[in-house]
C-alpha atoms as a PDB file:
ATOM      1  CA  MET A   1      55.728 -62.233   7.203  1.00  0.00           C
ATOM      2  CA  ASP A   2      53.935 -59.050   8.180  1.00  0.00           C
ATOM      3  CA  ALA A   3      53.958 -55.965   5.920  1.00  0.00           C
ATOM      4  CA  GLN A   4      56.216 -53.884   8.185  1.00  0.00           C
ATOM      5  CA  THR A   5      58.872 -56.613   8.339  1.00  0.00           C
ATOM      6  CA  GLN A   6      58.722 -57.002   4.569  1.00  0.00           C
ATOM      7  CA  LEU A   7      59.136 -53.236   4.143  1.00  0.00           C
ATOM      8  CA  GLU A   8      62.133 -53.210   6.489  1.00  0.00           C
ATOM      9  CA  LEU A   9      63.775 -56.132   4.680  1.00  0.00           C
ATOM     10  CA  GLU A  10      63.241 -54.483   1.305  1.00  0.00           C
ATOM     11  CA  ALA A  11      64.767 -51.247   2.636  1.00  0.00           C
ATOM     12  CA  ALA A  12      67.729 -53.174   4.023  1.00  0.00           C
ATOM     13  CA  ALA A  13      68.269 -54.896   0.664  1.00  0.00           C
ATOM     14  CA  PHE A  14      68.159 -51.524  -1.099  1.00  0.00           C
ATOM     15  CA  ARG A  15      70.697 -50.047   1.326  1.00  0.00           C
ATOM     16  CA  ARG A  16      72.964 -53.056   0.768  1.00  0.00           C
ATOM     17  CA  LEU A  17      72.713 -52.666  -3.008  1.00  0.00           C
ATOM     18  CA  GLN A  18      73.526 -48.981  -2.640  1.00  0.00           C
ATOM     19  CA  LYS A  19      76.574 -49.732  -0.478  1.00  0.00           C
ATOM     20  CA  HIS A  20      77.742 -52.405  -2.886  1.00  0.00           C
ATOM     21  CA  LEU A  21      77.553 -50.070  -5.887  1.00  0.00           C
ATOM     22  CA  MET A  22      78.829 -46.950  -4.143  1.00  0.00           C
ATOM     23  CA  GLN A  23      81.612 -48.362  -1.976  1.00  0.00           C
ATOM     24  CA  GLU A  24      82.567 -51.835  -3.113  1.00  0.00           C
ATOM     25  CA  ARG A  25      82.150 -51.693  -6.914  1.00  0.00           C
ATOM     26  CA  THR A  26      82.999 -48.160  -7.911  1.00  0.00           C
ATOM     27  CA  ASP A  27      84.816 -49.737 -10.862  1.00  0.00           C
ATOM     28  CA  VAL A  28      81.532 -50.776 -12.449  1.00  0.00           C
ATOM     29  CA  GLN A  29      80.484 -47.993 -14.787  1.00  0.00           C
ATOM     30  CA  ASN A  30      76.889 -46.770 -15.036  1.00  0.00           C
ATOM     31  CA  ILE A  31      76.973 -47.099 -18.812  1.00  0.00           C
ATOM     32  CA  ASP A  32      77.933 -50.781 -18.524  1.00  0.00           C
ATOM     33  CA  MET A  33      75.169 -51.400 -15.973  1.00  0.00           C
ATOM     34  CA  MET A  34      72.601 -49.785 -18.267  1.00  0.00           C
ATOM     35  CA  ASN A  35      73.826 -51.753 -21.267  1.00  0.00           C
ATOM     36  CA  LEU A  36      73.720 -55.072 -19.403  1.00  0.00           C
ATOM     37  CA  ALA A  37      70.891 -54.691 -16.910  1.00  0.00           C
ATOM     38  CA  GLY A  38      68.730 -51.831 -18.179  1.00  0.00           C
ATOM     39  CA  PHE A  39      69.319 -49.684 -15.088  1.00  0.00           C
ATOM     40  CA  CYS A  40      72.176 -47.892 -13.372  1.00  0.00           C
ATOM     41  CA  ARG A  41      72.956 -45.835 -10.291  1.00  0.00           C
ATOM     42  CA  ASN A  42      71.216 -42.839 -11.837  1.00  0.00           C
ATOM     43  CA  CYS A  43      68.067 -44.925 -12.307  1.00  0.00           C
ATOM     44  CA  LEU A  44      68.175 -45.955  -8.651  1.00  0.00           C
ATOM     45  CA  SER A  45      68.514 -42.326  -7.549  1.00  0.00           C
ATOM     46  CA  ARG A  46      65.676 -41.335  -9.910  1.00  0.00           C
ATOM     47  CA  TRP A  47      63.433 -44.043  -8.469  1.00  0.00           C
ATOM     48  CA  TYR A  48      64.276 -42.701  -5.003  1.00  0.00           C
ATOM     49  CA  GLN A  49      63.337 -39.190  -6.142  1.00  0.00           C
ATOM     50  CA  GLU A  50      60.095 -40.417  -7.708  1.00  0.00           C
ATOM     51  CA  ALA A  51      59.144 -42.211  -4.475  1.00  0.00           C
ATOM     52  CA  ALA A  52      59.862 -39.051  -2.473  1.00  0.00           C
ATOM     53  CA  ASN A  53      57.880 -36.876  -4.874  1.00  0.00           C
ATOM     54  CA  ALA A  54      54.958 -39.342  -4.768  1.00  0.00           C
ATOM     55  CA  ARG A  55      54.854 -38.832  -0.998  1.00  0.00           C
ATOM     56  CA  GLY A  56      54.829 -35.054  -1.366  1.00  0.00           C
ATOM     57  CA  ILE A  57      58.541 -34.648  -0.580  1.00  0.00           C
ATOM     58  CA  ASP A  58      60.101 -32.072  -2.882  1.00  0.00           C
ATOM     59  CA  MET A  59      63.366 -33.499  -4.191  1.00  0.00           C
ATOM     60  CA  THR A  60      65.284 -32.600  -7.328  1.00  0.00           C
ATOM     61  CA  LYS A  61      67.240 -34.991  -9.517  1.00  0.00           C
ATOM     62  CA  ASP A  62      70.518 -33.543  -8.246  1.00  0.00           C
ATOM     63  CA  GLU A  63      69.416 -33.828  -4.603  1.00  0.00           C
ATOM     64  CA  ALA A  64      68.420 -37.460  -5.113  1.00  0.00           C
ATOM     65  CA  ARG A  65      71.710 -38.267  -6.821  1.00  0.00           C
ATOM     66  CA  GLU A  66      73.709 -36.655  -4.036  1.00  0.00           C
ATOM     67  CA  LEU A  67      71.738 -38.599  -1.418  1.00  0.00           C
ATOM     68  CA  TYR A  68      72.216 -41.839  -3.336  1.00  0.00           C
ATOM     69  CA  TYR A  69      75.851 -41.333  -4.361  1.00  0.00           C
ATOM     70  CA  GLY A  70      76.936 -39.724  -1.091  1.00  0.00           C
ATOM     71  CA  MET A  71      78.535 -36.931  -3.120  1.00  0.00           C
ATOM     72  CA  THR A  72      77.700 -34.661  -6.002  1.00  0.00           C
ATOM     73  CA  MET A  73      77.499 -36.122  -9.481  1.00  0.00           C
ATOM     74  CA  SER A  74      80.522 -34.075 -10.545  1.00  0.00           C
ATOM     75  CA  GLU A  75      82.536 -35.519  -7.633  1.00  0.00           C
ATOM     76  CA  TRP A  76      81.478 -39.058  -8.569  1.00  0.00           C
ATOM     77  CA  LYS A  77      82.444 -38.538 -12.197  1.00  0.00           C
ATOM     78  CA  ALA A  78      85.824 -37.048 -11.261  1.00  0.00           C
ATOM     79  CA  ASN A  79      86.607 -39.909  -8.877  1.00  0.00           C
ATOM     80  CA  PHE A  80      85.171 -42.962 -10.615  1.00  0.00           C
ATOM     81  CA  GLN A  81      83.860 -42.452 -14.145  1.00  0.00           C
ATOM     82  CA  THR A  82      85.988 -43.573 -17.061  1.00  0.00           C
ATOM     83  CA  ASP A  83      85.641 -42.867 -20.763  1.00  0.00           C
ATOM     84  CA  ALA A  84      83.392 -45.200 -22.730  1.00  0.00           C
ATOM     85  CA  SER A  85      84.166 -46.426 -26.208  1.00  0.00           C
ATOM     86  CA  ALA A  86      82.043 -45.340 -29.147  1.00  0.00           C
ATOM     87  CA  ALA A  87      80.541 -48.853 -29.331  1.00  0.00           C
ATOM     88  CA  THR A  88      79.626 -48.755 -25.639  1.00  0.00           C
ATOM     89  CA  GLN A  89      78.034 -45.337 -26.075  1.00  0.00           C
ATOM     90  CA  GLU A  90      76.042 -46.599 -29.051  1.00  0.00           C
ATOM     91  CA  ARG A  91      74.754 -49.584 -27.038  1.00  0.00           C
ATOM     92  CA  PHE A  92      73.844 -47.167 -24.238  1.00  0.00           C
ATOM     93  CA  THR A  93      71.705 -45.080 -26.597  1.00  0.00           C
ATOM     94  CA  GLU A  94      69.677 -48.175 -27.443  1.00  0.00           C
ATOM     95  CA  ALA A  95      69.523 -49.399 -23.827  1.00  0.00           C
ATOM     96  CA  PHE A  96      68.383 -45.978 -22.655  1.00  0.00           C
ATOM     97  CA  LYS A  97      65.603 -45.860 -25.267  1.00  0.00           C
ATOM     98  CA  ALA A  98      64.460 -49.343 -24.275  1.00  0.00           C
ATOM     99  CA  ASN A  99      64.567 -48.881 -20.505  1.00  0.00           C
ATOM    100  CA  VAL A 100      63.878 -45.268 -19.604  1.00  0.00           C
ATOM    101  CA  SER A 101      60.368 -44.038 -20.267  1.00  0.00           C
ATOM    102  CA  PRO A 102      59.922 -40.617 -21.894  1.00  0.00           C
ATOM    103  CA  ALA A 103      58.306 -39.255 -18.720  1.00  0.00           C
ATOM    104  CA  THR A 104      61.419 -39.962 -16.657  1.00  0.00           C
ATOM    105  CA  LYS A 105      64.225 -39.094 -19.069  1.00  0.00           C
ATOM    106  CA  PRO A 106      66.628 -36.453 -17.751  1.00  0.00           C
END
């Protein structure tokens, strides 16, 4: 497989993951994703922002989230985010420490 085809397939897989998380599985909470997998929708939008910034494209965290989510973070939270239990929040604190480097923490 040539490099351009590989790049296009990787981009297509990313877009499919984005669609799955943003349209088909809005019930899956970011906190649960972080606790189970070590990443969440916010991580994906941050990685998008970091890739843009590495190419000299000025993009803020909020701009990246809106591009990834298809809406503002406040709209997403109002429409889809539910309250997490104290135990879930505690697990998140540990998962966040383990998976988000100090240079990229919000």
